[in-house]
PDB file of all heavy atoms in Angstrom:
ATOM      1  N   THR A   1      17.283   7.615 -15.813  1.00  0.00           N
ATOM      2  CA  THR A   1      17.614   6.215 -16.045  1.00  0.00           C
ATOM      3  C   THR A   1      17.236   5.835 -17.481  1.00  0.00           C
ATOM      4  O   THR A   1      16.285   6.376 -18.047  1.00  0.00           O
ATOM      5  CB  THR A   1      16.858   5.285 -15.079  1.00  0.00           C
ATOM      6  OG1 THR A   1      15.446   5.353 -15.348  1.00  0.00           O
ATOM      7  CG2 THR A   1      17.104   5.703 -13.640  1.00  0.00           C
ATOM      8  N   ALA A   2      18.019   4.904 -18.042  1.00  0.00           N
ATOM      9  CA  ALA A   2      17.743   4.422 -19.399  1.00  0.00           C
ATOM     10  C   ALA A   2      18.038   2.928 -19.467  1.00  0.00           C
ATOM     11  O   ALA A   2      19.119   2.490 -19.063  1.00  0.00           O
ATOM     12  CB  ALA A   2      18.576   5.170 -20.428  1.00  0.00           C
ATOM     13  N   GLN A   3      17.076   2.153 -19.953  1.00  0.00           N
ATOM     14  CA  GLN A   3      17.239   0.707 -20.146  1.00  0.00           C
ATOM     15  C   GLN A   3      17.667   0.497 -21.602  1.00  0.00           C
ATOM     16  O   GLN A   3      16.873   0.623 -22.530  1.00  0.00           O
ATOM     17  CB  GLN A   3      15.933  -0.025 -19.875  1.00  0.00           C
ATOM     18  CG  GLN A   3      16.045  -1.525 -19.888  1.00  0.00           C
ATOM     19  CD  GLN A   3      16.376  -2.088 -18.522  1.00  0.00           C
ATOM     20  OE1 GLN A   3      15.869  -1.624 -17.525  1.00  0.00           O
ATOM     21  NE2 GLN A   3      17.230  -3.095 -18.492  1.00  0.00           N
ATOM     22  N   LEU A   4      18.973   0.192 -21.788  1.00  0.00           N
ATOM     23  CA  LEU A   4      19.500   0.061 -23.141  1.00  0.00           C
ATOM     24  C   LEU A   4      19.287  -1.329 -23.723  1.00  0.00           C
ATOM     25  O   LEU A   4      19.139  -1.473 -24.940  1.00  0.00           O
ATOM     26  CB  LEU A   4      20.993   0.408 -23.145  1.00  0.00           C
ATOM     27  CG  LEU A   4      21.353   1.806 -22.633  1.00  0.00           C
ATOM     28  CD1 LEU A   4      22.845   2.046 -22.751  1.00  0.00           C
ATOM     29  CD2 LEU A   4      20.558   2.876 -23.370  1.00  0.00           C
ATOM     30  N   VAL A   5      19.318  -2.348 -22.874  1.00  0.00           N
ATOM     31  CA  VAL A   5      19.114  -3.725 -23.325  1.00  0.00           C
ATOM     32  C   VAL A   5      18.146  -4.398 -22.372  1.00  0.00           C
ATOM     33  O   VAL A   5      18.309  -4.322 -21.152  1.00  0.00           O
ATOM     34  CB  VAL A   5      20.439  -4.523 -23.365  1.00  0.00           C
ATOM     35  CG1 VAL A   5      20.177  -5.975 -23.762  1.00  0.00           C
ATOM     36  CG2 VAL A   5      21.423  -3.874 -24.327  1.00  0.00           C
ATOM     37  N   LYS A   6      17.136  -5.048 -22.924  1.00  0.00           N
ATOM     38  CA  LYS A   6      16.195  -5.814 -22.108  1.00  0.00           C
ATOM     39  C   LYS A   6      15.684  -6.993 -22.927  1.00  0.00           C
ATOM     40  O   LYS A   6      14.769  -6.876 -23.739  1.00  0.00           O
ATOM     41  CB  LYS A   6      15.023  -4.941 -21.647  1.00  0.00           C
ATOM     42  CG  LYS A   6      14.116  -5.633 -20.647  1.00  0.00           C
ATOM     43  CD  LYS A   6      13.032  -4.704 -20.122  1.00  0.00           C
ATOM     44  CE  LYS A   6      12.176  -5.398 -19.081  1.00  0.00           C
ATOM     45  NZ  LYS A   6      11.107  -4.503 -18.558  1.00  0.00           N
ATOM     46  N   SER A   7      16.306  -8.152 -22.705  1.00  0.00           N
ATOM     47  CA  SER A   7      15.921  -9.364 -23.407  1.00  0.00           C
ATOM     48  C   SER A   7      15.582 -10.437 -22.389  1.00  0.00           C
ATOM     49  O   SER A   7      15.588 -10.188 -21.173  1.00  0.00           O
ATOM     50  CB  SER A   7      17.055  -9.833 -24.323  1.00  0.00           C
ATOM     51  OG  SER A   7      18.186 -10.222 -23.563  1.00  0.00           O
ATOM     52  N   ALA A   8      15.311 -11.625 -22.861  1.00  0.00           N
ATOM     53  CA  ALA A   8      14.939 -12.713 -21.955  1.00  0.00           C
ATOM     54  C   ALA A   8      16.060 -13.053 -20.986  1.00  0.00           C
ATOM     55  O   ALA A   8      15.812 -13.440 -19.840  1.00  0.00           O
ATOM     56  CB  ALA A   8      14.546 -13.948 -22.765  1.00  0.00           C
ATOM     57  N   LYS A   9      17.315 -12.894 -21.421  1.00  0.00           N
ATOM     58  CA  LYS A   9      18.447 -13.285 -20.569  1.00  0.00           C
ATOM     59  C   LYS A   9      19.334 -12.128 -20.130  1.00  0.00           C
ATOM     60  O   LYS A   9      20.020 -12.228 -19.118  1.00  0.00           O
ATOM     61  CB  LYS A   9      19.308 -14.322 -21.300  1.00  0.00           C
ATOM     62  CG  LYS A   9      18.651 -15.690 -21.432  1.00  0.00           C
ATOM     63  CD  LYS A   9      19.654 -16.720 -21.935  1.00  0.00           C
ATOM     64  CE  LYS A   9      19.053 -18.113 -21.932  1.00  0.00           C
ATOM     65  NZ  LYS A   9      20.032 -19.135 -22.375  1.00  0.00           N
ATOM     66  N   ASP A  10      19.336 -11.041 -20.871  1.00  0.00           N
ATOM     67  CA  ASP A  10      20.270  -9.951 -20.589  1.00  0.00           C
ATOM     68  C   ASP A  10      19.544  -8.633 -20.372  1.00  0.00           C
ATOM     69  O   ASP A  10      18.580  -8.317 -21.075  1.00  0.00           O
ATOM     70  CB  ASP A  10      21.268  -9.795 -21.737  1.00  0.00           C
ATOM     71  CG  ASP A  10      22.122 -11.023 -21.940  1.00  0.00           C
ATOM     72  OD1 ASP A  10      23.034 -11.237 -21.132  1.00  0.00           O
ATOM     73  OD2 ASP A  10      21.858 -11.772 -22.901  1.00  0.00           O
ATOM     74  N   LYS A  11      20.067  -7.882 -19.388  1.00  0.00           N
ATOM     75  CA  LYS A  11      19.565  -6.540 -19.120  1.00  0.00           C
ATOM     76  C   LYS A  11      20.761  -5.619 -18.883  1.00  0.00           C
ATOM     77  O   LYS A  11      21.710  -5.989 -18.193  1.00  0.00           O
ATOM     78  CB  LYS A  11      18.645  -6.525 -17.894  1.00  0.00           C
ATOM     79  CG  LYS A  11      17.354  -7.303 -18.078  1.00  0.00           C
ATOM     80  CD  LYS A  11      16.495  -7.247 -16.824  1.00  0.00           C
ATOM     81  CE  LYS A  11      15.213  -8.038 -17.000  1.00  0.00           C
ATOM     82  NZ  LYS A  11      14.383  -7.996 -15.768  1.00  0.00           N
ATOM     83  N   PHE A  12      20.693  -4.419 -19.462  1.00  0.00           N
ATOM     84  CA  PHE A  12      21.758  -3.437 -19.273  1.00  0.00           C
ATOM     85  C   PHE A  12      21.135  -2.054 -19.185  1.00  0.00           C
ATOM     86  O   PHE A  12      20.367  -1.650 -20.060  1.00  0.00           O
ATOM     87  CB  PHE A  12      22.765  -3.484 -20.420  1.00  0.00           C
ATOM     88  CG  PHE A  12      23.863  -2.465 -20.294  1.00  0.00           C
ATOM     89  CD1 PHE A  12      24.805  -2.564 -19.287  1.00  0.00           C
ATOM     90  CD2 PHE A  12      23.933  -1.397 -21.174  1.00  0.00           C
ATOM     91  CE1 PHE A  12      25.820  -1.622 -19.163  1.00  0.00           C
ATOM     92  CE2 PHE A  12      24.935  -0.454 -21.065  1.00  0.00           C
ATOM     93  CZ  PHE A  12      25.890  -0.570 -20.047  1.00  0.00           C
ATOM     94  N   SER A  13      21.439  -1.331 -18.104  1.00  0.00           N
ATOM     95  CA  SER A  13      20.879   0.006 -17.891  1.00  0.00           C
ATOM     96  C   SER A  13      21.974   0.960 -17.445  1.00  0.00           C
ATOM     97  O   SER A  13      23.018   0.544 -16.902  1.00  0.00           O
ATOM     98  CB  SER A  13      19.763  -0.034 -16.842  1.00  0.00           C
ATOM     99  OG  SER A  13      20.275  -0.454 -15.585  1.00  0.00           O
ATOM    100  N   VAL A  14      21.741   2.241 -17.685  1.00  0.00           N
ATOM    101  CA  VAL A  14      22.667   3.290 -17.256  1.00  0.00           C
ATOM    102  C   VAL A  14      21.875   4.359 -16.524  1.00  0.00           C
ATOM    103  O   VAL A  14      20.671   4.534 -16.751  1.00  0.00           O
ATOM    104  CB  VAL A  14      23.433   3.909 -18.442  1.00  0.00           C
ATOM    105  CG1 VAL A  14      24.355   2.887 -19.072  1.00  0.00           C
ATOM    106  CG2 VAL A  14      22.473   4.472 -19.483  1.00  0.00           C
ATOM    107  N   GLU A  15      22.559   5.075 -15.632  1.00  0.00           N
ATOM    108  CA  GLU A  15      21.945   6.150 -14.849  1.00  0.00           C
ATOM    109  C   GLU A  15      22.913   7.315 -14.743  1.00  0.00           C
ATOM    110  O   GLU A  15      24.138   7.134 -14.751  1.00  0.00           O
ATOM    111  CB  GLU A  15      21.578   5.674 -13.447  1.00  0.00           C
ATOM    112  CG  GLU A  15      20.589   4.528 -13.428  1.00  0.00           C
ATOM    113  CD  GLU A  15      20.256   4.054 -12.021  1.00  0.00           C
ATOM    114  OE1 GLU A  15      20.923   4.507 -11.062  1.00  0.00           O
ATOM    115  OE2 GLU A  15      19.329   3.234 -11.883  1.00  0.00           O
ATOM    116  N   GLY A  16      22.366   8.506 -14.633  1.00  0.00           N
ATOM    117  CA  GLY A  16      23.182   9.693 -14.423  1.00  0.00           C
ATOM    118  C   GLY A  16      22.401  10.721 -13.627  1.00  0.00           C
ATOM    119  O   GLY A  16      21.177  10.798 -13.749  1.00  0.00           O
ATOM    120  N   GLY A  17      23.117  11.489 -12.792  1.00  0.00           N
ATOM    121  CA  GLY A  17      22.410  12.480 -11.990  1.00  0.00           C
ATOM    122  C   GLY A  17      23.361  13.356 -11.200  1.00  0.00           C
ATOM    123  O   GLY A  17      24.589  13.309 -11.365  1.00  0.00           O
ATOM    124  N   ILE A  18      22.773  14.175 -10.337  1.00  0.00           N
ATOM    125  CA  ILE A  18      23.546  15.044  -9.447  1.00  0.00           C
ATOM    126  C   ILE A  18      23.183  14.700  -8.004  1.00  0.00           C
ATOM    127  O   ILE A  18      22.098  14.186  -7.728  1.00  0.00           O
ATOM    128  CB  ILE A  18      23.285  16.541  -9.728  1.00  0.00           C
ATOM    129  CG1 ILE A  18      21.795  16.866  -9.584  1.00  0.00           C
ATOM    130  CG2 ILE A  18      23.777  16.915 -11.114  1.00  0.00           C
ATOM    131  CD1 ILE A  18      21.498  18.350  -9.700  1.00  0.00           C
ATOM    132  N   SER A  19      24.103  14.981  -7.098  1.00  0.00           N
ATOM    133  CA  SER A  19      23.881  14.606  -5.705  1.00  0.00           C
ATOM    134  C   SER A  19      24.366  15.715  -4.772  1.00  0.00           C
ATOM    135  O   SER A  19      25.259  16.498  -5.117  1.00  0.00           O
ATOM    136  CB  SER A  19      24.627  13.303  -5.368  1.00  0.00           C
ATOM    137  OG  SER A  19      26.030  13.483  -5.495  1.00  0.00           O
ATOM    138  N   LEU A  20      23.766  15.754  -3.599  1.00  0.00           N
ATOM    139  CA  LEU A  20      24.197  16.638  -2.527  1.00  0.00           C
ATOM    140  C   LEU A  20      24.569  15.743  -1.354  1.00  0.00           C
ATOM    141  O   LEU A  20      23.728  15.002  -0.838  1.00  0.00           O
ATOM    142  CB  LEU A  20      23.086  17.613  -2.133  1.00  0.00           C
ATOM    143  CG  LEU A  20      23.425  18.639  -1.047  1.00  0.00           C
ATOM    144  CD1 LEU A  20      24.573  19.547  -1.502  1.00  0.00           C
ATOM    145  CD2 LEU A  20      22.208  19.469  -0.680  1.00  0.00           C
ATOM    146  N   THR A  21      25.837  15.797  -0.942  1.00  0.00           N
ATOM    147  CA  THR A  21      26.367  14.866   0.047  1.00  0.00           C
ATOM    148  C   THR A  21      26.785  15.591   1.307  1.00  0.00           C
ATOM    149  O   THR A  21      27.411  16.664   1.253  1.00  0.00           O
ATOM    150  CB  THR A  21      27.580  14.100  -0.522  1.00  0.00           C
ATOM    151  OG1 THR A  21      27.173  13.394  -1.690  1.00  0.00           O
ATOM    152  CG2 THR A  21      28.144  13.109   0.493  1.00  0.00           C
ATOM    153  N   SER A  22      26.439  15.006   2.449  1.00  0.00           N
ATOM    154  CA  SER A  22      26.869  15.495   3.767  1.00  0.00           C
ATOM    155  C   SER A  22      27.688  14.386   4.405  1.00  0.00           C
ATOM    156  O   SER A  22      27.169  13.311   4.691  1.00  0.00           O
ATOM    157  CB  SER A  22      25.657  15.849   4.631  1.00  0.00           C
ATOM    158  OG  SER A  22      26.055  16.263   5.912  1.00  0.00           O
ATOM    159  N   GLN A  23      28.972  14.637   4.630  1.00  0.00           N
ATOM    160  CA  GLN A  23      29.908  13.612   5.087  1.00  0.00           C
ATOM    161  C   GLN A  23      30.584  14.050   6.388  1.00  0.00           C
ATOM    162  O   GLN A  23      31.028  15.184   6.511  1.00  0.00           O
ATOM    163  CB  GLN A  23      30.954  13.383   3.995  1.00  0.00           C
ATOM    164  CG  GLN A  23      32.016  12.363   4.335  1.00  0.00           C
ATOM    165  CD  GLN A  23      32.926  12.105   3.155  1.00  0.00           C
ATOM    166  OE1 GLN A  23      32.467  11.719   2.069  1.00  0.00           O
ATOM    167  NE2 GLN A  23      34.221  12.329   3.332  1.00  0.00           N
ATOM    168  N   ARG A  24      30.638  13.125   7.345  1.00  0.00           N
ATOM    169  CA  ARG A  24      31.269  13.396   8.643  1.00  0.00           C
ATOM    170  C   ARG A  24      32.287  12.313   8.936  1.00  0.00           C
ATOM    171  O   ARG A  24      31.978  11.128   8.922  1.00  0.00           O
ATOM    172  CB  ARG A  24      30.214  13.439   9.761  1.00  0.00           C
ATOM    173  CG  ARG A  24      29.137  14.503   9.556  1.00  0.00           C
ATOM    174  CD  ARG A  24      29.728  15.897   9.655  1.00  0.00           C
ATOM    175  NE  ARG A  24      28.730  16.941   9.438  1.00  0.00           N
ATOM    176  CZ  ARG A  24      28.532  17.560   8.287  1.00  0.00           C
ATOM    177  NH1 ARG A  24      29.273  17.215   7.223  1.00  0.00           N
ATOM    178  NH2 ARG A  24      27.620  18.510   8.167  1.00  0.00           N
ATOM    179  N   GLY A  25      33.535  12.729   9.228  1.00  0.00           N
ATOM    180  CA  GLY A  25      34.594  11.789   9.560  1.00  0.00           C
ATOM    181  C   GLY A  25      34.681  11.554  11.059  1.00  0.00           C
ATOM    182  O   GLY A  25      34.207  12.365  11.861  1.00  0.00           O
ATOM    183  N   ILE A  26      35.282  10.442  11.445  1.00  0.00           N
ATOM    184  CA  ILE A  26      35.379  10.128  12.871  1.00  0.00           C
ATOM    185  C   ILE A  26      36.417  10.976  13.573  1.00  0.00           C
ATOM    186  O   ILE A  26      36.436  11.061  14.804  1.00  0.00           O
ATOM    187  CB  ILE A  26      35.711   8.640  13.090  1.00  0.00           C
ATOM    188  CG1 ILE A  26      37.071   8.303  12.477  1.00  0.00           C
ATOM    189  CG2 ILE A  26      34.631   7.748  12.509  1.00  0.00           C
ATOM    190  CD1 ILE A  26      37.560   6.912  12.807  1.00  0.00           C
ATOM    191  N   ALA A  27      37.306  11.630  12.816  1.00  0.00           N
ATOM    192  CA  ALA A  27      38.364  12.419  13.439  1.00  0.00           C
ATOM    193  C   ALA A  27      37.885  13.796  13.885  1.00  0.00           C
ATOM    194  O   ALA A  27      38.655  14.566  14.424  1.00  0.00           O
ATOM    195  CB  ALA A  27      39.540  12.572  12.470  1.00  0.00           C
ATOM    196  N   GLY A  28      36.630  14.125  13.669  1.00  0.00           N
ATOM    197  CA  GLY A  28      36.129  15.438  14.062  1.00  0.00           C
ATOM    198  C   GLY A  28      35.845  16.303  12.859  1.00  0.00           C
ATOM    199  O   GLY A  28      35.638  15.811  11.746  1.00  0.00           O
ATOM    200  N   LYS A  29      35.877  17.599  13.035  1.00  0.00           N
ATOM    201  CA  LYS A  29      35.457  18.529  11.987  1.00  0.00           C
ATOM    202  C   LYS A  29      36.504  18.709  10.886  1.00  0.00           C
ATOM    203  O   LYS A  29      36.225  19.385   9.905  1.00  0.00           O
ATOM    204  CB  LYS A  29      35.124  19.882  12.595  1.00  0.00           C
ATOM    205  CG  LYS A  29      33.930  19.841  13.552  1.00  0.00           C
ATOM    206  CD  LYS A  29      33.616  21.225  14.089  1.00  0.00           C
ATOM    207  CE  LYS A  29      32.406  21.180  15.009  1.00  0.00           C
ATOM    208  NZ  LYS A  29      32.064  22.521  15.546  1.00  0.00           N
ATOM    209  N   THR A  30      37.704  18.144  11.031  1.00  0.00           N
ATOM    210  CA  THR A  30      38.736  18.337  10.019  1.00  0.00           C
ATOM    211  C   THR A  30      38.336  17.757   8.662  1.00  0.00           C
ATOM    212  O   THR A  30      38.791  18.223   7.637  1.00  0.00           O
ATOM    213  CB  THR A  30      40.058  17.682  10.473  1.00  0.00           C
ATOM    214  OG1 THR A  30      39.810  16.296  10.785  1.00  0.00           O
ATOM    215  CG2 THR A  30      40.596  18.366  11.716  1.00  0.00           C
ATOM    216  N   ARG A  31      37.482  16.718   8.657  1.00  0.00           N
ATOM    217  CA  ARG A  31      37.088  16.119   7.387  1.00  0.00           C
ATOM    218  C   ARG A  31      35.577  16.145   7.186  1.00  0.00           C
ATOM    219  O   ARG A  31      35.046  15.354   6.416  1.00  0.00           O
ATOM    220  CB  ARG A  31      37.597  14.684   7.300  1.00  0.00           C
ATOM    221  CG  ARG A  31      39.093  14.573   7.029  1.00  0.00           C
ATOM    222  CD  ARG A  31      39.424  14.966   5.614  1.00  0.00           C
ATOM    223  NE  ARG A  31      38.915  13.980   4.662  1.00  0.00           N
ATOM    224  CZ  ARG A  31      38.567  14.234   3.430  1.00  0.00           C
ATOM    225  NH1 ARG A  31      38.624  15.457   2.970  1.00  0.00           N
ATOM    226  NH2 ARG A  31      38.151  13.283   2.620  1.00  0.00           N
ATOM    227  N   ASP A  32      34.893  17.040   7.866  1.00  0.00           N
ATOM    228  CA  ASP A  32      33.462  17.190   7.643  1.00  0.00           C
ATOM    229  C   ASP A  32      33.247  17.948   6.336  1.00  0.00           C
ATOM    230  O   ASP A  32      33.810  19.028   6.133  1.00  0.00           O
ATOM    231  CB  ASP A  32      32.815  17.954   8.798  1.00  0.00           C
ATOM    232  CG  ASP A  32      32.776  17.120  10.073  1.00  0.00           C
ATOM    233  OD1 ASP A  32      33.180  15.945  10.012  1.00  0.00           O
ATOM    234  OD2 ASP A  32      32.348  17.644  11.106  1.00  0.00           O
ATOM    235  N   LEU A  33      32.449  17.362   5.440  1.00  0.00           N
ATOM    236  CA  LEU A  33      32.266  17.944   4.122  1.00  0.00           C
ATOM    237  C   LEU A  33      30.795  17.987   3.740  1.00  0.00           C
ATOM    238  O   LEU A  33      30.033  17.078   4.079  1.00  0.00           O
ATOM    239  CB  LEU A  33      33.016  17.127   3.060  1.00  0.00           C
ATOM    240  CG  LEU A  33      34.532  17.023   3.171  1.00  0.00           C
ATOM    241  CD1 LEU A  33      35.065  16.044   2.127  1.00  0.00           C
ATOM    242  CD2 LEU A  33      35.172  18.383   2.997  1.00  0.00           C
ATOM    243  N   ASP A  34      30.403  19.050   3.041  1.00  0.00           N
ATOM    244  CA  ASP A  34      29.095  19.152   2.389  1.00  0.00           C
ATOM    245  C   ASP A  34      29.365  19.638   0.975  1.00  0.00           C
ATOM    246  O   ASP A  34      29.908  20.739   0.799  1.00  0.00           O
ATOM    247  CB  ASP A  34      28.183  20.133   3.134  1.00  0.00           C
ATOM    248  CG  ASP A  34      27.861  19.662   4.545  1.00  0.00           C
ATOM    249  OD1 ASP A  34      27.053  18.737   4.694  1.00  0.00           O
ATOM    250  OD2 ASP A  34      28.432  20.228   5.498  1.00  0.00           O
TER     251      ASP A  34
END
């Protein structure tokens, strides 16, 4: 994370990263993803 702007009235930050996702669809295993 990085806070690029931090003043009395304005704040602006950015974030970057990697993720590991486990996803399950209601239709069954046809759309199950990792």
